[in-house]
Amino acid sequence: MTELDVPRLQRRLAAFAAARDWEQYHTPKNLAIALNVEAAELAEIFQWLTPEQSAAIMDDPASAHRVADEVADVLAYLLQFCQVVGVDPLAALAAKIDRNEERFPPASPPKQDDCHSSE
């Protein structure tokens, strides 16, 4: 698995957009909408699959390619959005995980069978 170098990817995406004069369209609103559209395209791949079919989707090279392309599109728009609004996506994720760990503590292990304790 490749390590995620967010700043490098954001620079590449910015250079790609700049070379095509697309920065003018990369507003927070437009990027948020594009991100939503790409996430919907990812969901569309799975829309009518059974749970078993969806679990095996990466076994078929053609389907795996479609999934990977949509994941790339979602990530690209998310990274561009974060750059435009000034959010560090990895820091935001770490902070959210921390909050969720506090909000949703792990289930406590079941107590020793209280109903069967000797009296």
C-alpha atoms as a PDB file:
ATOM      1  CA  MET A   1       0.000   0.000   0.000  1.00  0.00           C
ATOM      2  CA  THR A   2       1.274   3.455  -0.879  1.00  0.00           C
ATOM      3  CA  GLU A   3       1.693   6.073   1.829  1.00  0.00           C
ATOM      4  CA  LEU A   4      -0.673   9.002   1.383  1.00  0.00           C
ATOM      5  CA  ASP A   5       1.315  12.201   0.712  1.00  0.00           C
ATOM      6  CA  VAL A   6      -1.547  14.672   0.867  1.00  0.00           C
ATOM      7  CA  PRO A   7       0.425  17.874   0.148  1.00  0.00           C
ATOM      8  CA  ARG A   8       2.099  16.296  -2.890  1.00  0.00           C
ATOM      9  CA  LEU A   9      -1.210  15.072  -4.266  1.00  0.00           C
ATOM     10  CA  GLN A  10      -2.782  18.481  -3.666  1.00  0.00           C
ATOM     11  CA  ARG A  11       0.082  20.169  -5.536  1.00  0.00           C
ATOM     12  CA  ARG A  12      -0.363  17.783  -8.477  1.00  0.00           C
ATOM     13  CA  LEU A  13      -4.095  18.395  -8.570  1.00  0.00           C
ATOM     14  CA  ALA A  14      -3.599  22.168  -8.357  1.00  0.00           C
ATOM     15  CA  ALA A  15      -1.019  22.096 -11.161  1.00  0.00           C
ATOM     16  CA  PHE A  16      -3.350  19.986 -13.304  1.00  0.00           C
ATOM     17  CA  ALA A  17      -6.205  22.454 -12.783  1.00  0.00           C
ATOM     18  CA  ALA A  18      -3.948  25.487 -13.334  1.00  0.00           C
ATOM     19  CA  ALA A  19      -2.623  24.108 -16.629  1.00  0.00           C
ATOM     20  CA  ARG A  20      -6.208  23.957 -17.866  1.00  0.00           C
ATOM     21  CA  ASP A  21      -7.352  27.259 -16.302  1.00  0.00           C
ATOM     22  CA  TRP A  22      -9.862  25.406 -14.142  1.00  0.00           C
ATOM     23  CA  GLU A  23      -9.039  27.095 -10.810  1.00  0.00           C
ATOM     24  CA  GLN A  24     -11.783  29.628 -11.488  1.00  0.00           C
ATOM     25  CA  TYR A  25     -14.319  26.794 -11.131  1.00  0.00           C
ATOM     26  CA  HIS A  26     -12.781  25.294  -8.005  1.00  0.00           C
ATOM     27  CA  THR A  27     -14.896  27.139  -5.483  1.00  0.00           C
ATOM     28  CA  PRO A  28     -15.936  25.429  -2.248  1.00  0.00           C
ATOM     29  CA  LYS A  29     -19.495  25.109  -3.567  1.00  0.00           C
ATOM     30  CA  ASN A  30     -18.480  23.598  -6.899  1.00  0.00           C
ATOM     31  CA  LEU A  31     -15.979  21.206  -5.343  1.00  0.00           C
ATOM     32  CA  ALA A  32     -18.488  20.071  -2.701  1.00  0.00           C
ATOM     33  CA  ILE A  33     -21.039  19.374  -5.426  1.00  0.00           C
ATOM     34  CA  ALA A  34     -18.471  17.554  -7.588  1.00  0.00           C
ATOM     35  CA  LEU A  35     -17.449  15.459  -4.579  1.00  0.00           C
ATOM     36  CA  ASN A  36     -21.088  14.527  -4.002  1.00  0.00           C
ATOM     37  CA  VAL A  37     -21.562  13.587  -7.658  1.00  0.00           C
ATOM     38  CA  GLU A  38     -18.482  11.354  -7.642  1.00  0.00           C
ATOM     39  CA  ALA A  39     -19.565   9.690  -4.384  1.00  0.00           C
ATOM     40  CA  ALA A  40     -22.938   9.015  -6.010  1.00  0.00           C
ATOM     41  CA  GLU A  41     -21.189   7.456  -9.018  1.00  0.00           C
ATOM     42  CA  LEU A  42     -19.325   5.157  -6.628  1.00  0.00           C
ATOM     43  CA  ALA A  43     -22.592   4.233  -4.911  1.00  0.00           C
ATOM     44  CA  GLU A  44     -24.224   3.602  -8.289  1.00  0.00           C
ATOM     45  CA  ILE A  45     -21.811   0.729  -8.951  1.00  0.00           C
ATOM     46  CA  PHE A  46     -23.200  -1.057  -5.878  1.00  0.00           C
ATOM     47  CA  GLN A  47     -26.823   0.079  -6.169  1.00  0.00           C
ATOM     48  CA  TRP A  48     -28.527  -3.168  -7.161  1.00  0.00           C
ATOM     49  CA  LEU A  49     -25.972  -5.691  -5.951  1.00  0.00           C
ATOM     50  CA  THR A  50     -26.666  -8.182  -3.221  1.00  0.00           C
ATOM     51  CA  PRO A  51     -24.434  -7.992  -0.149  1.00  0.00           C
ATOM     52  CA  GLU A  52     -22.529 -11.010  -1.454  1.00  0.00           C
ATOM     53  CA  GLN A  53     -22.035  -9.463  -4.907  1.00  0.00           C
ATOM     54  CA  SER A  54     -20.867  -6.176  -3.388  1.00  0.00           C
ATOM     55  CA  ALA A  55     -18.358  -8.006  -1.180  1.00  0.00           C
ATOM     56  CA  ALA A  56     -16.901  -9.710  -4.261  1.00  0.00           C
ATOM     57  CA  ILE A  57     -16.859  -6.680  -6.575  1.00  0.00           C
ATOM     58  CA  MET A  58     -13.072  -6.360  -6.565  1.00  0.00           C
ATOM     59  CA  ASP A  59     -12.711  -9.937  -7.850  1.00  0.00           C
ATOM     60  CA  ASP A  60     -13.786  -8.845 -11.334  1.00  0.00           C
ATOM     61  CA  PRO A  61     -11.063  -6.734 -13.001  1.00  0.00           C
ATOM     62  CA  ALA A  62     -13.531  -4.558 -14.928  1.00  0.00           C
ATOM     63  CA  SER A  63     -15.606  -3.813 -11.824  1.00  0.00           C
ATOM     64  CA  ALA A  64     -12.490  -3.305  -9.724  1.00  0.00           C
ATOM     65  CA  HIS A  65     -11.244  -0.760 -12.250  1.00  0.00           C
ATOM     66  CA  ARG A  66     -14.533   1.167 -12.116  1.00  0.00           C
ATOM     67  CA  VAL A  67     -14.484   1.182  -8.303  1.00  0.00           C
ATOM     68  CA  ALA A  68     -10.853   2.344  -8.209  1.00  0.00           C
ATOM     69  CA  ASP A  69     -11.578   5.138 -10.697  1.00  0.00           C
ATOM     70  CA  GLU A  70     -14.512   6.423  -8.657  1.00  0.00           C
ATOM     71  CA  VAL A  71     -12.518   6.216  -5.417  1.00  0.00           C
ATOM     72  CA  ALA A  72      -9.804   8.272  -7.131  1.00  0.00           C
ATOM     73  CA  ASP A  73     -12.360  10.856  -8.274  1.00  0.00           C
ATOM     74  CA  VAL A  74     -13.842  11.130  -4.766  1.00  0.00           C
ATOM     75  CA  LEU A  75     -10.406  11.507  -3.198  1.00  0.00           C
ATOM     76  CA  ALA A  76      -9.272  14.041  -5.804  1.00  0.00           C
ATOM     77  CA  TYR A  77     -12.275  16.294  -5.226  1.00  0.00           C
ATOM     78  CA  LEU A  78     -12.003  15.900  -1.444  1.00  0.00           C
ATOM     79  CA  LEU A  79      -8.323  16.901  -1.491  1.00  0.00           C
ATOM     80  CA  GLN A  80      -9.039  19.865  -3.755  1.00  0.00           C
ATOM     81  CA  PHE A  81     -11.931  20.950  -1.539  1.00  0.00           C
ATOM     82  CA  CYS A  82      -9.739  20.727   1.568  1.00  0.00           C
ATOM     83  CA  GLN A  83      -7.027  22.793  -0.071  1.00  0.00           C
ATOM     84  CA  VAL A  84      -9.462  25.530  -1.114  1.00  0.00           C
ATOM     85  CA  VAL A  85     -11.119  25.804   2.307  1.00  0.00           C
ATOM     86  CA  GLY A  86      -7.915  25.294   4.307  1.00  0.00           C
ATOM     87  CA  VAL A  87      -8.715  21.997   6.039  1.00  0.00           C
ATOM     88  CA  ASP A  88      -5.942  19.511   6.747  1.00  0.00           C
ATOM     89  CA  PRO A  89      -7.834  16.302   5.914  1.00  0.00           C
ATOM     90  CA  LEU A  90      -5.585  13.993   7.948  1.00  0.00           C
ATOM     91  CA  ALA A  91      -5.731  16.252  11.019  1.00  0.00           C
ATOM     92  CA  ALA A  92      -9.510  16.564  10.614  1.00  0.00           C
ATOM     93  CA  LEU A  93      -9.856  12.788  10.419  1.00  0.00           C
ATOM     94  CA  ALA A  94      -7.639  12.212  13.457  1.00  0.00           C
ATOM     95  CA  ALA A  95      -9.643  14.752  15.472  1.00  0.00           C
ATOM     96  CA  LYS A  96     -12.936  13.165  14.389  1.00  0.00           C
ATOM     97  CA  ILE A  97     -11.724   9.688  15.375  1.00  0.00           C
ATOM     98  CA  ASP A  98     -10.695  11.076  18.779  1.00  0.00           C
ATOM     99  CA  ARG A  99     -14.165  12.602  19.284  1.00  0.00           C
ATOM    100  CA  ASN A 100     -15.892   9.411  18.168  1.00  0.00           C
ATOM    101  CA  GLU A 101     -13.799   7.315  20.537  1.00  0.00           C
ATOM    102  CA  GLU A 102     -15.043   9.511  23.382  1.00  0.00           C
ATOM    103  CA  ARG A 103     -18.647   9.564  22.173  1.00  0.00           C
ATOM    104  CA  PHE A 104     -18.829   5.853  21.421  1.00  0.00           C
ATOM    105  CA  PRO A 105     -16.712   3.889  23.902  1.00  0.00           C
ATOM    106  CA  PRO A 106     -16.196   0.215  23.132  1.00  0.00           C
ATOM    107  CA  ALA A 107     -18.843  -2.124  24.417  1.00  0.00           C
ATOM    108  CA  SER A 108     -17.878  -3.313  27.828  1.00  0.00           C
ATOM    109  CA  PRO A 109     -17.185  -7.011  28.012  1.00  0.00           C
ATOM    110  CA  PRO A 110     -20.120  -8.981  29.348  1.00  0.00           C
ATOM    111  CA  LYS A 111     -20.067  -9.395  33.094  1.00  0.00           C
ATOM    112  CA  GLN A 112     -19.537 -12.845  34.462  1.00  0.00           C
ATOM    113  CA  ASP A 113     -22.891 -14.521  34.268  1.00  0.00           C
ATOM    114  CA  ASP A 114     -24.666 -12.790  37.152  1.00  0.00           C
ATOM    115  CA  CYS A 115     -27.734 -15.033  36.839  1.00  0.00           C
ATOM    116  CA  HIS A 116     -25.670 -18.159  37.387  1.00  0.00           C
ATOM    117  CA  SER A 117     -23.606 -16.975  40.306  1.00  0.00           C
ATOM    118  CA  SER A 118     -23.729 -19.206  43.344  1.00  0.00           C
ATOM    119  CA  GLU A 119     -25.743 -17.896  46.219  1.00  0.00           C
END
